[in-house]
Amino acid sequence: MRLPAVDVDTVTMNYPSPHKLVEHLRVMGETNAGVSRRRGPLGRSTAAAAAAAYGSAFPSPPGVGDTAGGGGGGVEATYQVLYMTGWSAGEGQQQPAERGSAGVSLAQLEEELAKVPKR
């Protein structure tokens, strides 16, 4: 592949409970995908302990994900979506610029981007 490019979007979502997070992960097909995964079902006590640990480690910000009764219990989860592209070699393919030929340094670019107002 020529001229590979990788981009990442980071998305943070809030759920009303750890159970809703697991439900969402199941719908996405993102549960128990490890090679050395546990083959049997997860016990209730293990699931409850995992939900409590996750809830205390990654609580939703105050006022976000609260239940209707205002009892809180919401959790936050962060996902990273990766986009990867590349092109197969070809005669008319664009070629990368010479190393060091940039007109702007990355430090200058960072300074300019810091001036852009956040949305």
C-alpha atoms as a PDB file:
ATOM      1  CA  MET A   1       0.000   0.000   0.000  1.00  0.00           C
ATOM      2  CA  ARG A   2       1.139   3.506  -0.784  1.00  0.00           C
ATOM      3  CA  LEU A   3       0.422   6.740   1.090  1.00  0.00           C
ATOM      4  CA  PRO A   4      -1.301   5.080   4.046  1.00  0.00           C
ATOM      5  CA  ALA A   5      -3.460   7.303   6.212  1.00  0.00           C
ATOM      6  CA  VAL A   6      -4.931   6.628   9.643  1.00  0.00           C
ATOM      7  CA  ASP A   7      -7.468   8.764  11.462  1.00  0.00           C
ATOM      8  CA  VAL A   8      -9.128   8.248  14.833  1.00  0.00           C
ATOM      9  CA  ASP A   9     -12.396   9.543  16.238  1.00  0.00           C
ATOM     10  CA  THR A  10     -12.836   9.316  20.002  1.00  0.00           C
ATOM     11  CA  VAL A  11     -16.455   9.170  21.140  1.00  0.00           C
ATOM     12  CA  THR A  12     -17.538   9.311  24.775  1.00  0.00           C
ATOM     13  CA  MET A  13     -21.022   8.074  25.608  1.00  0.00           C
ATOM     14  CA  ASN A  14     -22.975   8.033  28.852  1.00  0.00           C
ATOM     15  CA  TYR A  15     -25.294   5.211  29.865  1.00  0.00           C
ATOM     16  CA  PRO A  16     -27.886   5.178  32.649  1.00  0.00           C
ATOM     17  CA  SER A  17     -26.351   1.991  34.100  1.00  0.00           C
ATOM     18  CA  PRO A  18     -23.530  -0.506  33.493  1.00  0.00           C
ATOM     19  CA  HIS A  19     -26.196  -2.962  32.310  1.00  0.00           C
ATOM     20  CA  LYS A  20     -27.252  -0.606  29.479  1.00  0.00           C
ATOM     21  CA  LEU A  21     -23.584  -0.301  28.462  1.00  0.00           C
ATOM     22  CA  VAL A  22     -23.275  -4.094  28.229  1.00  0.00           C
ATOM     23  CA  GLU A  23     -26.530  -4.218  26.251  1.00  0.00           C
ATOM     24  CA  HIS A  24     -25.111  -1.707  23.769  1.00  0.00           C
ATOM     25  CA  LEU A  25     -21.849  -3.666  23.487  1.00  0.00           C
ATOM     26  CA  ARG A  26     -23.814  -6.850  22.755  1.00  0.00           C
ATOM     27  CA  VAL A  27     -25.812  -5.142  20.007  1.00  0.00           C
ATOM     28  CA  MET A  28     -22.514  -3.976  18.453  1.00  0.00           C
ATOM     29  CA  GLY A  29     -21.098  -7.512  18.716  1.00  0.00           C
ATOM     30  CA  GLU A  30     -18.254  -6.281  20.927  1.00  0.00           C
ATOM     31  CA  THR A  31     -18.470  -8.675  23.878  1.00  0.00           C
ATOM     32  CA  ASN A  32     -16.247 -11.618  24.717  1.00  0.00           C
ATOM     33  CA  ALA A  33     -14.182 -11.384  21.525  1.00  0.00           C
ATOM     34  CA  GLY A  34     -10.792 -12.197  23.092  1.00  0.00           C
ATOM     35  CA  VAL A  35      -8.842 -15.262  21.994  1.00  0.00           C
ATOM     36  CA  SER A  36      -8.461 -16.432  25.588  1.00  0.00           C
ATOM     37  CA  ARG A  37     -12.037 -15.542  26.481  1.00  0.00           C
ATOM     38  CA  ARG A  38     -14.092 -17.347  29.048  1.00  0.00           C
ATOM     39  CA  ARG A  39     -16.192 -19.984  27.277  1.00  0.00           C
ATOM     40  CA  GLY A  40     -19.024 -20.359  29.794  1.00  0.00           C
ATOM     41  CA  PRO A  41     -21.666 -17.879  30.896  1.00  0.00           C
ATOM     42  CA  LEU A  42     -20.722 -15.197  33.390  1.00  0.00           C
ATOM     43  CA  GLY A  43     -22.113 -15.778  36.876  1.00  0.00           C
ATOM     44  CA  ARG A  44     -24.527 -13.261  38.394  1.00  0.00           C
ATOM     45  CA  SER A  45     -22.220 -12.401  41.275  1.00  0.00           C
ATOM     46  CA  THR A  46     -19.293 -11.844  38.888  1.00  0.00           C
ATOM     47  CA  ALA A  47     -21.444  -9.638  36.633  1.00  0.00           C
ATOM     48  CA  ALA A  48     -22.693  -7.635  39.629  1.00  0.00           C
ATOM     49  CA  ALA A  49     -19.145  -7.161  40.942  1.00  0.00           C
ATOM     50  CA  ALA A  50     -17.919  -6.076  37.489  1.00  0.00           C
ATOM     51  CA  ALA A  51     -20.816  -3.597  37.146  1.00  0.00           C
ATOM     52  CA  ALA A  52     -20.071  -2.120  40.587  1.00  0.00           C
ATOM     53  CA  ALA A  53     -16.344  -1.828  39.840  1.00  0.00           C
ATOM     54  CA  TYR A  54     -16.965  -0.216  36.439  1.00  0.00           C
ATOM     55  CA  GLY A  55     -19.556   2.137  37.909  1.00  0.00           C
ATOM     56  CA  SER A  56     -17.137   3.397  40.545  1.00  0.00           C
ATOM     57  CA  ALA A  57     -14.215   3.660  38.103  1.00  0.00           C
ATOM     58  CA  PHE A  58     -16.103   5.397  35.258  1.00  0.00           C
ATOM     59  CA  PRO A  59     -19.120   7.284  36.619  1.00  0.00           C
ATOM     60  CA  SER A  60     -21.031   9.678  34.381  1.00  0.00           C
ATOM     61  CA  PRO A  61     -20.421  13.357  35.097  1.00  0.00           C
ATOM     62  CA  PRO A  62     -22.966  14.809  37.584  1.00  0.00           C
ATOM     63  CA  GLY A  63     -26.362  15.330  35.945  1.00  0.00           C
ATOM     64  CA  VAL A  64     -25.498  13.116  32.943  1.00  0.00           C
ATOM     65  CA  GLY A  65     -27.014   9.668  32.702  1.00  0.00           C
ATOM     66  CA  ASP A  66     -28.975  10.103  35.940  1.00  0.00           C
ATOM     67  CA  THR A  67     -32.028   7.931  36.274  1.00  0.00           C
ATOM     68  CA  ALA A  68     -35.498   9.498  36.336  1.00  0.00           C
ATOM     69  CA  GLY A  69     -35.479   9.370  40.117  1.00  0.00           C
ATOM     70  CA  GLY A  70     -32.219  11.325  40.237  1.00  0.00           C
ATOM     71  CA  GLY A  71     -30.376   8.450  41.869  1.00  0.00           C
ATOM     72  CA  GLY A  72     -27.411   8.565  39.502  1.00  0.00           C
ATOM     73  CA  GLY A  73     -25.679   5.298  38.732  1.00  0.00           C
ATOM     74  CA  GLY A  74     -24.825   6.279  35.190  1.00  0.00           C
ATOM     75  CA  VAL A  75     -21.521   5.237  33.603  1.00  0.00           C
ATOM     76  CA  GLU A  76     -19.301   6.683  30.906  1.00  0.00           C
ATOM     77  CA  ALA A  77     -17.642   4.682  28.122  1.00  0.00           C
ATOM     78  CA  THR A  78     -15.128   5.898  25.545  1.00  0.00           C
ATOM     79  CA  TYR A  79     -14.831   4.328  22.094  1.00  0.00           C
ATOM     80  CA  GLN A  80     -12.174   4.877  19.461  1.00  0.00           C
ATOM     81  CA  VAL A  81     -13.125   4.433  15.816  1.00  0.00           C
ATOM     82  CA  LEU A  82     -10.139   3.957  13.508  1.00  0.00           C
ATOM     83  CA  TYR A  83     -10.209   4.744   9.792  1.00  0.00           C
ATOM     84  CA  MET A  84      -7.364   3.310   7.722  1.00  0.00           C
ATOM     85  CA  THR A  85      -6.817   3.836   4.016  1.00  0.00           C
ATOM     86  CA  GLY A  86      -4.116   3.180   1.484  1.00  0.00           C
ATOM     87  CA  TRP A  87      -3.705   2.837  -2.264  1.00  0.00           C
ATOM     88  CA  SER A  88      -2.100   0.154  -4.352  1.00  0.00           C
ATOM     89  CA  ALA A  89       0.865   1.252  -6.463  1.00  0.00           C
ATOM     90  CA  GLY A  90       0.066   2.748  -9.868  1.00  0.00           C
ATOM     91  CA  GLU A  91       1.796   4.745 -12.615  1.00  0.00           C
ATOM     92  CA  GLY A  92      -0.153   7.972 -12.080  1.00  0.00           C
ATOM     93  CA  GLN A  93      -0.199   7.765  -8.323  1.00  0.00           C
ATOM     94  CA  GLN A  94       0.649  10.798  -6.258  1.00  0.00           C
ATOM     95  CA  GLN A  95       4.090  10.589  -4.658  1.00  0.00           C
ATOM     96  CA  PRO A  96       4.927  11.731  -1.131  1.00  0.00           C
ATOM     97  CA  ALA A  97       6.844  15.001  -0.799  1.00  0.00           C
ATOM     98  CA  GLU A  98      10.541  14.965   0.050  1.00  0.00           C
ATOM     99  CA  ARG A  99      11.255  14.625   3.750  1.00  0.00           C
ATOM    100  CA  GLY A 100      11.795  18.067   5.327  1.00  0.00           C
ATOM    101  CA  SER A 101      10.168  19.954   2.426  1.00  0.00           C
ATOM    102  CA  ALA A 102       7.166  21.201   4.432  1.00  0.00           C
ATOM    103  CA  GLY A 103       6.613  24.953   4.532  1.00  0.00           C
ATOM    104  CA  VAL A 104       5.150  24.843   8.053  1.00  0.00           C
ATOM    105  CA  SER A 105       6.462  22.953  11.072  1.00  0.00           C
ATOM    106  CA  LEU A 106       4.175  20.806  13.205  1.00  0.00           C
ATOM    107  CA  ALA A 107       4.823  23.194  16.116  1.00  0.00           C
ATOM    108  CA  GLN A 108       3.531  26.125  14.006  1.00  0.00           C
ATOM    109  CA  LEU A 109       0.513  24.073  12.959  1.00  0.00           C
ATOM    110  CA  GLU A 110      -0.227  23.245  16.606  1.00  0.00           C
ATOM    111  CA  GLU A 111      -0.022  26.949  17.534  1.00  0.00           C
ATOM    112  CA  GLU A 112      -2.468  27.888  14.772  1.00  0.00           C
ATOM    113  CA  LEU A 113      -4.880  25.118  15.676  1.00  0.00           C
ATOM    114  CA  ALA A 114      -4.845  26.285  19.310  1.00  0.00           C
ATOM    115  CA  LYS A 115      -6.235  29.637  18.091  1.00  0.00           C
ATOM    116  CA  VAL A 116      -9.315  27.992  16.546  1.00  0.00           C
ATOM    117  CA  PRO A 117     -12.329  28.319  18.878  1.00  0.00           C
ATOM    118  CA  LYS A 118     -13.628  25.027  20.304  1.00  0.00           C
ATOM    119  CA  ARG A 119     -17.180  24.032  19.428  1.00  0.00           C
END
